[in-house]
Amino acid sequence: MDPKERKHTIEDFRAGRSRVLVSSDLLARGIDIQQISLVINYELPMNRENYVHRIGRAGRFGRKGTTINMLLPEEEAMMTDICEHYKMKVTILPENLSTLL
């Protein structure tokens, strides 16, 4: 997207005219939208610092948020590194998601 189109898209998302925003690492930092409650990582970022910035979009200002990471087998080591570095635990979703209810 060119910068003008990107700005318009972000404004639509921020205003609630668009409910889903698909982005690259370009928006890992600097986007501050309070209503985000879910971040889905289709792939892990290139560096672990951007991971924290990505997931930090969900649950800002004391709100609850959820992050779902869709990992390929070759990304599991990177996810382990991120978890160890930030001392966090990631729960693997069960195959049958109805068990979560």
PDB file of N, CA and C in Angstrom:
ATOM      1  N   MET A   1       0.838  -1.191   0.000  1.00  0.00           N
ATOM      2  CA  MET A   1       0.000   0.000   0.000  1.00  0.00           C
ATOM      3  C   MET A   1       0.875   1.243   0.000  1.00  0.00           C
ATOM      4  N   ASP A   2       0.409   2.223  -0.705  1.00  0.00           N
ATOM      5  CA  ASP A   2       1.132   3.482  -0.618  1.00  0.00           C
ATOM      6  C   ASP A   2       0.747   4.158   0.710  1.00  0.00           C
ATOM      7  N   PRO A   3       1.551   5.105   1.175  1.00  0.00           N
ATOM      8  CA  PRO A   3       1.319   5.714   2.494  1.00  0.00           C
ATOM      9  C   PRO A   3      -0.079   6.318   2.669  1.00  0.00           C
ATOM     10  N   LYS A   4      -0.610   6.932   1.630  1.00  0.00           N
ATOM     11  CA  LYS A   4      -1.945   7.555   1.731  1.00  0.00           C
ATOM     12  C   LYS A   4      -3.022   6.488   1.935  1.00  0.00           C
ATOM     13  N   GLU A   5      -2.942   5.413   1.176  1.00  0.00           N
ATOM     14  CA  GLU A   5      -3.910   4.326   1.307  1.00  0.00           C
ATOM     15  C   GLU A   5      -3.777   3.649   2.676  1.00  0.00           C
ATOM     16  N   ARG A   6      -2.546   3.457   3.134  1.00  0.00           N
ATOM     17  CA  ARG A   6      -2.306   2.857   4.447  1.00  0.00           C
ATOM     18  C   ARG A   6      -2.911   3.720   5.549  1.00  0.00           C
ATOM     19  N   LYS A   7      -2.700   5.038   5.470  1.00  0.00           N
ATOM     20  CA  LYS A   7      -3.254   5.951   6.466  1.00  0.00           C
ATOM     21  C   LYS A   7      -4.779   5.867   6.495  1.00  0.00           C
ATOM     22  N   HIS A   8      -5.401   5.832   5.334  1.00  0.00           N
ATOM     23  CA  HIS A   8      -6.865   5.739   5.241  1.00  0.00           C
ATOM     24  C   HIS A   8      -7.357   4.421   5.838  1.00  0.00           C
ATOM     25  N   THR A   9      -6.661   3.342   5.554  1.00  0.00           N
ATOM     26  CA  THR A   9      -7.029   2.025   6.082  1.00  0.00           C
ATOM     27  C   THR A   9      -6.943   1.998   7.597  1.00  0.00           C
ATOM     28  N   ILE A  10      -5.889   2.551   8.154  1.00  0.00           N
ATOM     29  CA  ILE A  10      -5.728   2.595   9.607  1.00  0.00           C
ATOM     30  C   ILE A  10      -6.799   3.480  10.239  1.00  0.00           C
ATOM     31  N   GLU A  11      -7.124   4.593   9.593  1.00  0.00           N
ATOM     32  CA  GLU A  11      -8.184   5.462  10.111  1.00  0.00           C
ATOM     33  C   GLU A  11      -9.522   4.734  10.138  1.00  0.00           C
ATOM     34  N   ASP A  12      -9.825   3.967   9.098  1.00  0.00           N
ATOM     35  CA  ASP A  12     -11.057   3.171   9.064  1.00  0.00           C
ATOM     36  C   ASP A  12     -11.080   2.143  10.188  1.00  0.00           C
ATOM     37  N   PHE A  13      -9.957   1.506  10.425  1.00  0.00           N
ATOM     38  CA  PHE A  13      -9.869   0.507  11.488  1.00  0.00           C
ATOM     39  C   PHE A  13     -10.021   1.173  12.859  1.00  0.00           C
ATOM     40  N   ARG A  14      -9.331   2.253  13.049  1.00  0.00           N
ATOM     41  CA  ARG A  14      -9.378   2.983  14.324  1.00  0.00           C
ATOM     42  C   ARG A  14     -10.800   3.477  14.618  1.00  0.00           C
ATOM     43  N   ALA A  15     -11.519   3.896  13.587  1.00  0.00           N
ATOM     44  CA  ALA A  15     -12.882   4.417  13.755  1.00  0.00           C
ATOM     45  C   ALA A  15     -13.927   3.309  13.856  1.00  0.00           C
ATOM     46  N   GLY A  16     -13.526   2.062  13.642  1.00  0.00           N
ATOM     47  CA  GLY A  16     -14.471   0.955  13.725  1.00  0.00           C
ATOM     48  C   GLY A  16     -15.223   0.684  12.431  1.00  0.00           C
ATOM     49  N   ARG A  17     -14.879   1.375  11.359  1.00  0.00           N
ATOM     50  CA  ARG A  17     -15.527   1.124  10.064  1.00  0.00           C
ATOM     51  C   ARG A  17     -15.025  -0.176   9.448  1.00  0.00           C
ATOM     52  N   SER A  18     -13.875  -0.621   9.916  1.00  0.00           N
ATOM     53  CA  SER A  18     -13.294  -1.890   9.495  1.00  0.00           C
ATOM     54  C   SER A  18     -12.959  -2.656  10.768  1.00  0.00           C
ATOM     55  N   ARG A  19     -13.354  -3.931  10.838  1.00  0.00           N
ATOM     56  CA  ARG A  19     -13.157  -4.696  12.076  1.00  0.00           C
ATOM     57  C   ARG A  19     -11.914  -5.573  12.044  1.00  0.00           C
ATOM     58  N   VAL A  20     -11.334  -5.765  10.874  1.00  0.00           N
ATOM     59  CA  VAL A  20     -10.158  -6.625  10.731  1.00  0.00           C
ATOM     60  C   VAL A  20      -9.077  -5.843   9.997  1.00  0.00           C
ATOM     61  N   LEU A  21      -7.859  -5.962  10.513  1.00  0.00           N
ATOM     62  CA  LEU A  21      -6.712  -5.330   9.869  1.00  0.00           C
ATOM     63  C   LEU A  21      -5.634  -6.380   9.699  1.00  0.00           C
ATOM     64  N   VAL A  22      -5.257  -6.618   8.468  1.00  0.00           N
ATOM     65  CA  VAL A  22      -4.169  -7.551   8.173  1.00  0.00           C
ATOM     66  C   VAL A  22      -2.940  -6.703   7.907  1.00  0.00           C
ATOM     67  N   SER A  23      -1.868  -7.039   8.624  1.00  0.00           N
ATOM     68  CA  SER A  23      -0.684  -6.186   8.543  1.00  0.00           C
ATOM     69  C   SER A  23       0.588  -7.012   8.550  1.00  0.00           C
ATOM     70  N   SER A  24       1.654  -6.362   8.185  1.00  0.00           N
ATOM     71  CA  SER A  24       2.990  -6.950   8.260  1.00  0.00           C
ATOM     72  C   SER A  24       3.701  -6.332   9.463  1.00  0.00           C
ATOM     73  N   ASP A  25       4.971  -6.571   9.591  1.00  0.00           N
ATOM     74  CA  ASP A  25       5.748  -5.959  10.672  1.00  0.00           C
ATOM     75  C   ASP A  25       5.783  -4.438  10.567  1.00  0.00           C
ATOM     76  N   LEU A  26       5.346  -3.909   9.447  1.00  0.00           N
ATOM     77  CA  LEU A  26       5.324  -2.468   9.263  1.00  0.00           C
ATOM     78  C   LEU A  26       4.544  -1.781  10.384  1.00  0.00           C
ATOM     79  N   LEU A  27       3.478  -2.431  10.864  1.00  0.00           N
ATOM     80  CA  LEU A  27       2.665  -1.842  11.934  1.00  0.00           C
ATOM     81  C   LEU A  27       2.925  -2.477  13.288  1.00  0.00           C
ATOM     82  N   ALA A  28       3.993  -3.222  13.421  1.00  0.00           N
ATOM     83  CA  ALA A  28       4.293  -3.850  14.712  1.00  0.00           C
ATOM     84  C   ALA A  28       4.478  -2.795  15.792  1.00  0.00           C
ATOM     85  N   ARG A  29       4.975  -1.654  15.421  1.00  0.00           N
ATOM     86  CA  ARG A  29       5.180  -0.552  16.365  1.00  0.00           C
ATOM     87  C   ARG A  29       4.419   0.664  15.873  1.00  0.00           C
ATOM     88  N   GLY A  30       3.998   1.470  16.828  1.00  0.00           N
ATOM     89  CA  GLY A  30       3.444   2.770  16.466  1.00  0.00           C
ATOM     90  C   GLY A  30       1.960   2.811  16.202  1.00  0.00           C
ATOM     91  N   ILE A  31       1.270   1.692  16.244  1.00  0.00           N
ATOM     92  CA  ILE A  31      -0.177   1.733  16.070  1.00  0.00           C
ATOM     93  C   ILE A  31      -0.793   1.619  17.458  1.00  0.00           C
ATOM     94  N   ASP A  32      -1.573   2.600  17.836  1.00  0.00           N
ATOM     95  CA  ASP A  32      -2.159   2.634  19.174  1.00  0.00           C
ATOM     96  C   ASP A  32      -3.671   2.704  19.036  1.00  0.00           C
ATOM     97  N   ILE A  33      -4.304   1.547  19.090  1.00  0.00           N
ATOM     98  CA  ILE A  33      -5.756   1.464  18.977  1.00  0.00           C
ATOM     99  C   ILE A  33      -6.259   0.698  20.187  1.00  0.00           C
ATOM    100  N   GLN A  34      -7.059   1.350  21.010  1.00  0.00           N
ATOM    101  CA  GLN A  34      -7.454   0.786  22.286  1.00  0.00           C
ATOM    102  C   GLN A  34      -8.391  -0.410  22.170  1.00  0.00           C
ATOM    103  N   GLN A  35      -9.215  -0.499  21.151  1.00  0.00           N
ATOM    104  CA  GLN A  35     -10.251  -1.521  21.088  1.00  0.00           C
ATOM    105  C   GLN A  35      -9.769  -2.899  20.651  1.00  0.00           C
ATOM    106  N   ILE A  36      -8.508  -3.085  20.358  1.00  0.00           N
ATOM    107  CA  ILE A  36      -8.035  -4.374  19.857  1.00  0.00           C
ATOM    108  C   ILE A  36      -8.019  -5.381  20.996  1.00  0.00           C
ATOM    109  N   SER A  37      -8.736  -6.489  20.794  1.00  0.00           N
ATOM    110  CA  SER A  37      -8.777  -7.519  21.828  1.00  0.00           C
ATOM    111  C   SER A  37      -8.171  -8.833  21.337  1.00  0.00           C
ATOM    112  N   LEU A  38      -7.896  -8.928  20.050  1.00  0.00           N
ATOM    113  CA  LEU A  38      -7.352 -10.160  19.487  1.00  0.00           C
ATOM    114  C   LEU A  38      -6.307  -9.851  18.432  1.00  0.00           C
ATOM    115  N   VAL A  39      -5.144 -10.475  18.576  1.00  0.00           N
ATOM    116  CA  VAL A  39      -4.092 -10.403  17.563  1.00  0.00           C
ATOM    117  C   VAL A  39      -3.815 -11.827  17.117  1.00  0.00           C
ATOM    118  N   ILE A  40      -3.828 -12.058  15.823  1.00  0.00           N
ATOM    119  CA  ILE A  40      -3.492 -13.367  15.274  1.00  0.00           C
ATOM    120  C   ILE A  40      -2.204 -13.225  14.483  1.00  0.00           C
ATOM    121  N   ASN A  41      -1.187 -13.940  14.906  1.00  0.00           N
ATOM    122  CA  ASN A  41       0.088 -13.952  14.192  1.00  0.00           C
ATOM    123  C   ASN A  41       0.053 -15.100  13.191  1.00  0.00           C
ATOM    124  N   TYR A  42      -0.061 -14.753  11.930  1.00  0.00           N
ATOM    125  CA  TYR A  42      -0.043 -15.755  10.870  1.00  0.00           C
ATOM    126  C   TYR A  42       1.354 -16.358  10.734  1.00  0.00           C
ATOM    127  N   GLU A  43       2.341 -15.556  11.043  1.00  0.00           N
ATOM    128  CA  GLU A  43       3.726 -16.024  11.117  1.00  0.00           C
ATOM    129  C   GLU A  43       4.432 -15.180  12.158  1.00  0.00           C
ATOM    130  N   LEU A  44       5.476 -15.714  12.729  1.00  0.00           N
ATOM    131  CA  LEU A  44       6.216 -14.970  13.735  1.00  0.00           C
ATOM    132  C   LEU A  44       7.024 -13.859  13.072  1.00  0.00           C
ATOM    133  N   PRO A  45       7.265 -12.782  13.810  1.00  0.00           N
ATOM    134  CA  PRO A  45       8.088 -11.711  13.253  1.00  0.00           C
ATOM    135  C   PRO A  45       9.537 -12.158  13.110  1.00  0.00           C
ATOM    136  N   MET A  46      10.303 -11.366  12.406  1.00  0.00           N
ATOM    137  CA  MET A  46      11.708 -11.684  12.184  1.00  0.00           C
ATOM    138  C   MET A  46      12.544 -11.602  13.461  1.00  0.00           C
ATOM    139  N   ASN A  47      12.134 -10.758  14.402  1.00  0.00           N
ATOM    140  CA  ASN A  47      12.883 -10.678  15.667  1.00  0.00           C
ATOM    141  C   ASN A  47      11.917 -10.678  16.838  1.00  0.00           C
ATOM    142  N   ARG A  48      12.397 -11.127  17.970  1.00  0.00           N
ATOM    143  CA  ARG A  48      11.505 -11.318  19.112  1.00  0.00           C
ATOM    144  C   ARG A  48      11.001 -10.004  19.696  1.00  0.00           C
ATOM    145  N   GLU A  49      11.715  -8.909  19.521  1.00  0.00           N
ATOM    146  CA  GLU A  49      11.236  -7.625  20.023  1.00  0.00           C
ATOM    147  C   GLU A  49       9.931  -7.225  19.332  1.00  0.00           C
ATOM    148  N   ASN A  50       9.834  -7.489  18.041  1.00  0.00           N
ATOM    149  CA  ASN A  50       8.606  -7.155  17.328  1.00  0.00           C
ATOM    150  C   ASN A  50       7.434  -8.018  17.787  1.00  0.00           C
ATOM    151  N   TYR A  51       7.722  -9.221  18.287  1.00  0.00           N
ATOM    152  CA  TYR A  51       6.649 -10.073  18.797  1.00  0.00           C
ATOM    153  C   TYR A  51       5.930  -9.363  19.952  1.00  0.00           C
ATOM    154  N   VAL A  52       6.689  -8.809  20.873  1.00  0.00           N
ATOM    155  CA  VAL A  52       6.098  -8.116  22.016  1.00  0.00           C
ATOM    156  C   VAL A  52       5.295  -6.909  21.557  1.00  0.00           C
ATOM    157  N   HIS A  53       5.798  -6.184  20.570  1.00  0.00           N
ATOM    158  CA  HIS A  53       5.058  -5.030  20.063  1.00  0.00           C
ATOM    159  C   HIS A  53       3.773  -5.459  19.367  1.00  0.00           C
ATOM    160  N   ARG A  54       3.823  -6.559  18.644  1.00  0.00           N
ATOM    161  CA  ARG A  54       2.610  -7.070  17.982  1.00  0.00           C
ATOM    162  C   ARG A  54       1.549  -7.453  18.996  1.00  0.00           C
ATOM    163  N   ILE A  55       1.919  -8.313  19.942  1.00  0.00           N
ATOM    164  CA  ILE A  55       0.903  -8.799  20.878  1.00  0.00           C
ATOM    165  C   ILE A  55       0.468  -7.712  21.847  1.00  0.00           C
ATOM    166  N   GLY A  56       1.290  -6.701  22.002  1.00  0.00           N
ATOM    167  CA  GLY A  56       0.933  -5.581  22.862  1.00  0.00           C
ATOM    168  C   GLY A  56      -0.212  -4.753  22.317  1.00  0.00           C
ATOM    169  N   ARG A  57      -0.594  -4.998  21.088  1.00  0.00           N
ATOM    170  CA  ARG A  57      -1.751  -4.298  20.514  1.00  0.00           C
ATOM    171  C   ARG A  57      -3.041  -4.767  21.168  1.00  0.00           C
ATOM    172  N   ALA A  58      -3.053  -5.998  21.671  1.00  0.00           N
ATOM    173  CA  ALA A  58      -4.253  -6.566  22.311  1.00  0.00           C
ATOM    174  C   ALA A  58      -4.187  -6.328  23.817  1.00  0.00           C
ATOM    175  N   GLY A  59      -5.280  -5.916  24.375  1.00  0.00           N
ATOM    176  CA  GLY A  59      -5.347  -5.761  25.816  1.00  0.00           C
ATOM    177  C   GLY A  59      -4.602  -4.552  26.342  1.00  0.00           C
ATOM    178  N   ARG A  60      -4.652  -3.468  25.637  1.00  0.00           N
ATOM    179  CA  ARG A  60      -3.955  -2.261  26.088  1.00  0.00           C
ATOM    180  C   ARG A  60      -4.704  -1.589  27.228  1.00  0.00           C
ATOM    181  N   PHE A  61      -3.984  -0.844  28.036  1.00  0.00           N
ATOM    182  CA  PHE A  61      -4.553  -0.027  29.104  1.00  0.00           C
ATOM    183  C   PHE A  61      -5.383  -0.849  30.084  1.00  0.00           C
ATOM    184  N   GLY A  62      -4.870  -2.019  30.476  1.00  0.00           N
ATOM    185  CA  GLY A  62      -5.537  -2.846  31.469  1.00  0.00           C
ATOM    186  C   GLY A  62      -6.654  -3.720  30.950  1.00  0.00           C
ATOM    187  N   ARG A  63      -6.942  -3.637  29.671  1.00  0.00           N
ATOM    188  CA  ARG A  63      -7.980  -4.491  29.094  1.00  0.00           C
ATOM    189  C   ARG A  63      -7.409  -5.878  28.846  1.00  0.00           C
ATOM    190  N   LYS A  64      -8.307  -6.868  28.774  1.00  0.00           N
ATOM    191  CA  LYS A  64      -7.866  -8.220  28.467  1.00  0.00           C
ATOM    192  C   LYS A  64      -7.711  -8.367  26.961  1.00  0.00           C
ATOM    193  N   GLY A  65      -6.728  -9.162  26.571  1.00  0.00           N
ATOM    194  CA  GLY A  65      -6.491  -9.412  25.160  1.00  0.00           C
ATOM    195  C   GLY A  65      -5.998 -10.829  24.949  1.00  0.00           C
ATOM    196  N   THR A  66      -6.135 -11.290  23.737  1.00  0.00           N
ATOM    197  CA  THR A  66      -5.730 -12.643  23.375  1.00  0.00           C
ATOM    198  C   THR A  66      -4.856 -12.586  22.133  1.00  0.00           C
ATOM    199  N   THR A  67      -3.857 -13.454  22.116  1.00  0.00           N
ATOM    200  CA  THR A  67      -3.020 -13.611  20.927  1.00  0.00           C
ATOM    201  C   THR A  67      -3.045 -15.066  20.519  1.00  0.00           C
ATOM    202  N   ILE A  68      -3.220 -15.296  19.235  1.00  0.00           N
ATOM    203  CA  ILE A  68      -3.146 -16.642  18.668  1.00  0.00           C
ATOM    204  C   ILE A  68      -1.976 -16.653  17.704  1.00  0.00           C
ATOM    205  N   ASN A  69      -1.074 -17.609  17.888  1.00  0.00           N
ATOM    206  CA  ASN A  69       0.084 -17.759  17.004  1.00  0.00           C
ATOM    207  C   ASN A  69      -0.137 -18.993  16.135  1.00  0.00           C
ATOM    208  N   MET A  70      -0.084 -18.814  14.847  1.00  0.00           N
ATOM    209  CA  MET A  70      -0.177 -19.938  13.920  1.00  0.00           C
ATOM    210  C   MET A  70       1.256 -20.280  13.513  1.00  0.00           C
ATOM    211  N   LEU A  71       1.753 -21.403  14.014  1.00  0.00           N
ATOM    212  CA  LEU A  71       3.158 -21.741  13.819  1.00  0.00           C
ATOM    213  C   LEU A  71       3.362 -22.901  12.858  1.00  0.00           C
ATOM    214  N   LEU A  72       4.395 -22.778  12.070  1.00  0.00           N
ATOM    215  CA  LEU A  72       4.900 -23.900  11.292  1.00  0.00           C
ATOM    216  C   LEU A  72       5.894 -24.646  12.175  1.00  0.00           C
ATOM    217  N   PRO A  73       6.138 -25.917  11.907  1.00  0.00           N
ATOM    218  CA  PRO A  73       7.104 -26.657  12.730  1.00  0.00           C
ATOM    219  C   PRO A  73       8.454 -25.948  12.845  1.00  0.00           C
ATOM    220  N   GLU A  74       8.894 -25.316  11.785  1.00  0.00           N
ATOM    221  CA  GLU A  74      10.197 -24.647  11.828  1.00  0.00           C
ATOM    222  C   GLU A  74      10.181 -23.352  12.660  1.00  0.00           C
ATOM    223  N   GLU A  75       9.006 -22.902  13.098  1.00  0.00           N
ATOM    224  CA  GLU A  75       8.921 -21.709  13.938  1.00  0.00           C
ATOM    225  C   GLU A  75       8.860 -22.044  15.433  1.00  0.00           C
ATOM    226  N   GLU A  76       8.745 -23.314  15.758  1.00  0.00           N
ATOM    227  CA  GLU A  76       8.602 -23.704  17.160  1.00  0.00           C
ATOM    228  C   GLU A  76       9.818 -23.300  17.998  1.00  0.00           C
ATOM    229  N   ALA A  77      11.013 -23.423  17.456  1.00  0.00           N
ATOM    230  CA  ALA A  77      12.216 -23.029  18.192  1.00  0.00           C
ATOM    231  C   ALA A  77      12.215 -21.530  18.472  1.00  0.00           C
ATOM    232  N   MET A  78      11.777 -20.741  17.501  1.00  0.00           N
ATOM    233  CA  MET A  78      11.697 -19.289  17.689  1.00  0.00           C
ATOM    234  C   MET A  78      10.669 -18.953  18.773  1.00  0.00           C
ATOM    235  N   MET A  79       9.539 -19.662  18.775  1.00  0.00           N
ATOM    236  CA  MET A  79       8.521 -19.417  19.793  1.00  0.00           C
ATOM    237  C   MET A  79       9.056 -19.787  21.168  1.00  0.00           C
ATOM    238  N   THR A  80       9.798 -20.878  21.260  1.00  0.00           N
ATOM    239  CA  THR A  80      10.420 -21.281  22.525  1.00  0.00           C
ATOM    240  C   THR A  80      11.393 -20.208  22.995  1.00  0.00           C
ATOM    241  N   ASP A  81      12.186 -19.678  22.078  1.00  0.00           N
ATOM    242  CA  ASP A  81      13.138 -18.613  22.416  1.00  0.00           C
ATOM    243  C   ASP A  81      12.412 -17.377  22.936  1.00  0.00           C
ATOM    244  N   ILE A  82      11.335 -16.991  22.277  1.00  0.00           N
ATOM    245  CA  ILE A  82      10.551 -15.824  22.705  1.00  0.00           C
ATOM    246  C   ILE A  82      10.003 -16.053  24.111  1.00  0.00           C
ATOM    247  N   CYS A  83       9.431 -17.231  24.345  1.00  0.00           N
ATOM    248  CA  CYS A  83       8.858 -17.544  25.662  1.00  0.00           C
ATOM    249  C   CYS A  83       9.917 -17.531  26.754  1.00  0.00           C
ATOM    250  N   GLU A  84      11.059 -18.116  26.480  1.00  0.00           N
ATOM    251  CA  GLU A  84      12.132 -18.138  27.481  1.00  0.00           C
ATOM    252  C   GLU A  84      12.666 -16.734  27.755  1.00  0.00           C
ATOM    253  N   HIS A  85      12.852 -15.966  26.704  1.00  0.00           N
ATOM    254  CA  HIS A  85      13.399 -14.619  26.859  1.00  0.00           C
ATOM    255  C   HIS A  85      12.470 -13.724  27.688  1.00  0.00           C
ATOM    256  N   TYR A  86      11.163 -13.777  27.402  1.00  0.00           N
ATOM    257  CA  TYR A  86      10.196 -12.913  28.083  1.00  0.00           C
ATOM    258  C   TYR A  86       9.528 -13.582  29.280  1.00  0.00           C
ATOM    259  N   LYS A  87      10.000 -14.813  29.600  1.00  0.00           N
ATOM    260  CA  LYS A  87       9.458 -15.547  30.743  1.00  0.00           C
ATOM    261  C   LYS A  87       7.940 -15.633  30.682  1.00  0.00           C
ATOM    262  N   MET A  88       7.454 -16.080  29.564  1.00  0.00           N
ATOM    263  CA  MET A  88       6.017 -16.220  29.372  1.00  0.00           C
ATOM    264  C   MET A  88       5.669 -17.639  28.964  1.00  0.00           C
ATOM    265  N   LYS A  89       4.445 -17.989  29.174  1.00  0.00           N
ATOM    266  CA  LYS A  89       3.981 -19.326  28.825  1.00  0.00           C
ATOM    267  C   LYS A  89       2.912 -19.207  27.743  1.00  0.00           C
ATOM    268  N   VAL A  90       3.038 -20.021  26.719  1.00  0.00           N
ATOM    269  CA  VAL A  90       2.061 -20.055  25.639  1.00  0.00           C
ATOM    270  C   VAL A  90       1.345 -21.398  25.723  1.00  0.00           C
ATOM    271  N   THR A  91       0.037 -21.340  25.715  1.00  0.00           N
ATOM    272  CA  THR A  91      -0.771 -22.550  25.783  1.00  0.00           C
ATOM    273  C   THR A  91      -1.122 -22.994  24.372  1.00  0.00           C
ATOM    274  N   ILE A  92      -0.921 -24.262  24.097  1.00  0.00           N
ATOM    275  CA  ILE A  92      -1.261 -24.817  22.779  1.00  0.00           C
ATOM    276  C   ILE A  92      -2.771 -25.048  22.738  1.00  0.00           C
ATOM    277  N   LEU A  93      -3.416 -24.554  21.687  1.00  0.00           N
ATOM    278  CA  LEU A  93      -4.844 -24.763  21.544  1.00  0.00           C
ATOM    279  C   LEU A  93      -5.136 -26.234  21.254  1.00  0.00           C
ATOM    280  N   PRO A  94      -6.210 -26.764  21.844  1.00  0.00           N
ATOM    281  CA  PRO A  94      -6.574 -28.149  21.540  1.00  0.00           C
ATOM    282  C   PRO A  94      -7.126 -28.263  20.113  1.00  0.00           C
ATOM    283  N   GLU A  95      -7.039 -29.447  19.554  1.00  0.00           N
ATOM    284  CA  GLU A  95      -7.579 -29.640  18.199  1.00  0.00           C
ATOM    285  C   GLU A  95      -9.074 -29.373  18.165  1.00  0.00           C
ATOM    286  N   ASN A  96      -9.768 -29.737  19.224  1.00  0.00           N
ATOM    287  CA  ASN A  96     -11.203 -29.522  19.316  1.00  0.00           C
ATOM    288  C   ASN A  96     -11.438 -28.262  20.153  1.00  0.00           C
ATOM    289  N   LEU A  97     -11.643 -27.134  19.498  1.00  0.00           N
ATOM    290  CA  LEU A  97     -11.758 -25.868  20.201  1.00  0.00           C
ATOM    291  C   LEU A  97     -13.001 -25.776  21.082  1.00  0.00           C
ATOM    292  N   SER A  98     -13.987 -26.620  20.844  1.00  0.00           N
ATOM    293  CA  SER A  98     -15.188 -26.586  21.674  1.00  0.00           C
ATOM    294  C   SER A  98     -14.892 -26.977  23.108  1.00  0.00           C
ATOM    295  N   THR A  99     -13.761 -27.635  23.357  1.00  0.00           N
ATOM    296  CA  THR A  99     -13.393 -28.007  24.728  1.00  0.00           C
ATOM    297  C   THR A  99     -13.011 -26.779  25.550  1.00  0.00           C
ATOM    298  N   LEU A 100     -12.780 -25.664  24.901  1.00  0.00           N
ATOM    299  CA  LEU A 100     -12.436 -24.428  25.616  1.00  0.00           C
ATOM    300  C   LEU A 100     -13.648 -23.741  26.230  1.00  0.00           C
ATOM    301  N   LEU A 101     -14.820 -24.073  25.760  1.00  0.00           N
ATOM    302  CA  LEU A 101     -16.031 -23.383  26.230  1.00  0.00           C
ATOM    303  C   LEU A 101     -16.510 -23.864  27.544  1.00  0.00           C
TER     304      LEU A 101
END
